[in-house]
């Protein structure tokens, strides 16, 4: 080959195809990362709600000498608020002097 002659290229489509594939791979990883962050955030939010309910129940026990018999009592007297469309809460009273069993179940 003559040194003044240009080498033949493999075609203009190969470089573009590689760029598109790299872009799609990066985009896929970005979307997976966002999905993972969303899952972690939802889990932490449910744990925070469960801790808040437990703290409210302990606060009631410290002030009044008994654990509340329902979530409605905590909502009415201790300002507990949560999104009913997002969570179902199982609040099982064992006795007035025993900590209730609290389970927060996300609906999504």
C-alpha atoms as a PDB file:
ATOM      1  CA  UNK A   1       0.000   0.000   0.000  1.00  0.00           C
ATOM      2  CA  UNK A   2       1.193   3.446  -0.839  1.00  0.00           C
ATOM      3  CA  UNK A   3       1.833   5.648   2.185  1.00  0.00           C
ATOM      4  CA  UNK A   4      -0.146   8.474   0.627  1.00  0.00           C
ATOM      5  CA  UNK A   5      -3.147   6.299   0.090  1.00  0.00           C
ATOM      6  CA  UNK A   6      -5.839   6.191   2.781  1.00  0.00           C
ATOM      7  CA  UNK A   7      -6.676   2.895   4.365  1.00  0.00           C
ATOM      8  CA  UNK A   8     -10.097   1.583   3.604  1.00  0.00           C
ATOM      9  CA  UNK A   9     -12.567   2.012   6.428  1.00  0.00           C
ATOM     10  CA  UNK A  10     -14.825  -0.823   7.438  1.00  0.00           C
ATOM     11  CA  UNK A  11     -17.850   1.315   6.871  1.00  0.00           C
ATOM     12  CA  UNK A  12     -19.497   4.254   8.555  1.00  0.00           C
ATOM     13  CA  UNK A  13     -22.133   2.063  10.283  1.00  0.00           C
ATOM     14  CA  UNK A  14     -19.817   0.051  12.524  1.00  0.00           C
ATOM     15  CA  UNK A  15     -18.669   2.985  14.653  1.00  0.00           C
ATOM     16  CA  UNK A  16     -22.221   4.258  15.037  1.00  0.00           C
ATOM     17  CA  UNK A  17     -23.486   0.836  15.975  1.00  0.00           C
ATOM     18  CA  UNK A  18     -20.847   0.521  18.702  1.00  0.00           C
ATOM     19  CA  UNK A  19     -21.771   3.983  20.027  1.00  0.00           C
ATOM     20  CA  UNK A  20     -25.458   3.101  20.129  1.00  0.00           C
ATOM     21  CA  UNK A  21     -24.750  -0.184  21.927  1.00  0.00           C
ATOM     22  CA  UNK A  22     -22.572   1.529  24.536  1.00  0.00           C
ATOM     23  CA  UNK A  23     -25.250   4.209  25.041  1.00  0.00           C
ATOM     24  CA  UNK A  24     -27.976   1.568  25.494  1.00  0.00           C
ATOM     25  CA  UNK A  25     -25.815  -0.347  27.985  1.00  0.00           C
ATOM     26  CA  UNK A  26     -25.184   2.800  30.048  1.00  0.00           C
ATOM     27  CA  UNK A  27     -28.884   3.724  29.894  1.00  0.00           C
ATOM     28  CA  UNK A  28     -29.861   0.226  31.067  1.00  0.00           C
ATOM     29  CA  UNK A  29     -27.462   0.395  34.013  1.00  0.00           C
ATOM     30  CA  UNK A  30     -28.809   3.837  34.931  1.00  0.00           C
ATOM     31  CA  UNK A  31     -32.406   2.571  34.942  1.00  0.00           C
ATOM     32  CA  UNK A  32     -31.450  -0.463  37.048  1.00  0.00           C
ATOM     33  CA  UNK A  33     -29.700   1.844  39.509  1.00  0.00           C
ATOM     34  CA  UNK A  34     -32.769   4.063  39.830  1.00  0.00           C
ATOM     35  CA  UNK A  35     -34.966   1.026  40.415  1.00  0.00           C
ATOM     36  CA  UNK A  36     -32.637  -0.229  43.158  1.00  0.00           C
ATOM     37  CA  UNK A  37     -32.601   3.183  44.860  1.00  0.00           C
ATOM     38  CA  UNK A  38     -36.396   3.281  44.747  1.00  0.00           C
ATOM     39  CA  UNK A  39     -36.644  -0.158  46.395  1.00  0.00           C
ATOM     40  CA  UNK A  40     -34.193   0.779  49.148  1.00  0.00           C
ATOM     41  CA  UNK A  41     -36.045   4.036  49.834  1.00  0.00           C
ATOM     42  CA  UNK A  42     -39.415   2.250  50.084  1.00  0.00           C
ATOM     43  CA  UNK A  43     -37.950  -0.292  52.520  1.00  0.00           C
ATOM     44  CA  UNK A  44     -36.459   2.448  54.698  1.00  0.00           C
ATOM     45  CA  UNK A  45     -39.752   4.348  54.687  1.00  0.00           C
ATOM     46  CA  UNK A  46     -41.641   1.266  55.931  1.00  0.00           C
ATOM     47  CA  UNK A  47     -39.025   0.686  58.644  1.00  0.00           C
ATOM     48  CA  UNK A  48     -39.299   4.326  59.705  1.00  0.00           C
ATOM     49  CA  UNK A  49     -43.083   4.049  59.998  1.00  0.00           C
ATOM     50  CA  UNK A  50     -42.762   0.888  62.091  1.00  0.00           C
ATOM     51  CA  UNK A  51     -40.250   2.589  64.405  1.00  0.00           C
ATOM     52  CA  UNK A  52     -42.523   5.610  64.708  1.00  0.00           C
ATOM     53  CA  UNK A  53     -45.450   3.415  65.769  1.00  0.00           C
ATOM     54  CA  UNK A  54     -43.305   1.605  68.325  1.00  0.00           C
ATOM     55  CA  UNK A  55     -41.980   4.886  69.743  1.00  0.00           C
ATOM     56  CA  UNK A  56     -45.504   6.279  70.015  1.00  0.00           C
ATOM     57  CA  UNK A  57     -46.637   3.146  71.856  1.00  0.00           C
ATOM     58  CA  UNK A  58     -43.689   3.349  74.262  1.00  0.00           C
ATOM     59  CA  UNK A  59     -44.379   7.045  74.796  1.00  0.00           C
ATOM     60  CA  UNK A  60     -47.994   6.220  75.652  1.00  0.00           C
ATOM     61  CA  UNK A  61     -46.854   3.515  78.093  1.00  0.00           C
ATOM     62  CA  UNK A  62     -44.444   5.925  79.773  1.00  0.00           C
ATOM     63  CA  UNK A  63     -47.094   8.619  80.197  1.00  0.00           C
ATOM     64  CA  UNK A  64     -50.249   6.623  80.828  1.00  0.00           C
ATOM     65  CA  UNK A  65     -49.015   3.267  82.198  1.00  0.00           C
ATOM     66  CA  UNK A  66     -50.445   1.065  79.411  1.00  0.00           C
ATOM     67  CA  UNK A  67     -49.822   0.324  75.762  1.00  0.00           C
ATOM     68  CA  UNK A  68     -52.576   1.620  73.479  1.00  0.00           C
ATOM     69  CA  UNK A  69     -55.179  -0.922  72.419  1.00  0.00           C
ATOM     70  CA  UNK A  70     -55.357   0.299  68.799  1.00  0.00           C
ATOM     71  CA  UNK A  71     -53.698   2.444  66.155  1.00  0.00           C
ATOM     72  CA  UNK A  72     -56.683   4.765  66.320  1.00  0.00           C
ATOM     73  CA  UNK A  73     -55.679   5.667  69.879  1.00  0.00           C
ATOM     74  CA  UNK A  74     -52.174   6.558  68.733  1.00  0.00           C
ATOM     75  CA  UNK A  75     -53.577   8.611  65.873  1.00  0.00           C
ATOM     76  CA  UNK A  76     -56.007  10.472  68.092  1.00  0.00           C
ATOM     77  CA  UNK A  77     -53.811  11.135  71.126  1.00  0.00           C
ATOM     78  CA  UNK A  78     -50.222  10.989  69.843  1.00  0.00           C
ATOM     79  CA  UNK A  79     -50.457  12.445  66.336  1.00  0.00           C
ATOM     80  CA  UNK A  80     -49.528   9.301  64.392  1.00  0.00           C
ATOM     81  CA  UNK A  81     -50.133   9.777  60.652  1.00  0.00           C
ATOM     82  CA  UNK A  82     -49.448   7.463  57.700  1.00  0.00           C
ATOM     83  CA  UNK A  83     -50.612   6.935  54.128  1.00  0.00           C
ATOM     84  CA  UNK A  84     -53.368   4.312  54.201  1.00  0.00           C
ATOM     85  CA  UNK A  85     -53.143   3.843  50.432  1.00  0.00           C
ATOM     86  CA  UNK A  86     -49.471   2.913  50.713  1.00  0.00           C
ATOM     87  CA  UNK A  87     -49.322   0.742  53.873  1.00  0.00           C
ATOM     88  CA  UNK A  88     -51.334  -1.781  55.836  1.00  0.00           C
ATOM     89  CA  UNK A  89     -50.400  -1.959  59.498  1.00  0.00           C
ATOM     90  CA  UNK A  90     -50.904  -4.993  61.689  1.00  0.00           C
ATOM     91  CA  UNK A  91     -51.121  -3.834  65.313  1.00  0.00           C
ATOM     92  CA  UNK A  92     -51.729  -6.796  67.629  1.00  0.00           C
ATOM     93  CA  UNK A  93     -52.213  -6.108  71.317  1.00  0.00           C
ATOM     94  CA  UNK A  94     -50.919  -8.826  73.610  1.00  0.00           C
ATOM     95  CA  UNK A  95     -51.765  -7.118  76.886  1.00  0.00           C
ATOM     96  CA  UNK A  96     -51.908  -3.646  78.370  1.00  0.00           C
ATOM     97  CA  UNK A  97     -48.453  -4.070  79.896  1.00  0.00           C
ATOM     98  CA  UNK A  98     -46.784  -5.860  76.949  1.00  0.00           C
ATOM     99  CA  UNK A  99     -45.442  -4.203  73.816  1.00  0.00           C
ATOM    100  CA  UNK A 100     -47.836  -4.752  70.890  1.00  0.00           C
ATOM    101  CA  UNK A 101     -46.657  -6.638  67.823  1.00  0.00           C
ATOM    102  CA  UNK A 102     -46.330  -4.124  64.952  1.00  0.00           C
ATOM    103  CA  UNK A 103     -45.924  -5.081  61.303  1.00  0.00           C
ATOM    104  CA  UNK A 104     -45.954  -2.595  58.422  1.00  0.00           C
ATOM    105  CA  UNK A 105     -46.861  -4.080  55.043  1.00  0.00           C
ATOM    106  CA  UNK A 106     -46.274  -1.991  51.895  1.00  0.00           C
ATOM    107  CA  UNK A 107     -49.092  -2.313  49.377  1.00  0.00           C
ATOM    108  CA  UNK A 108     -47.011  -1.924  46.227  1.00  0.00           C
END
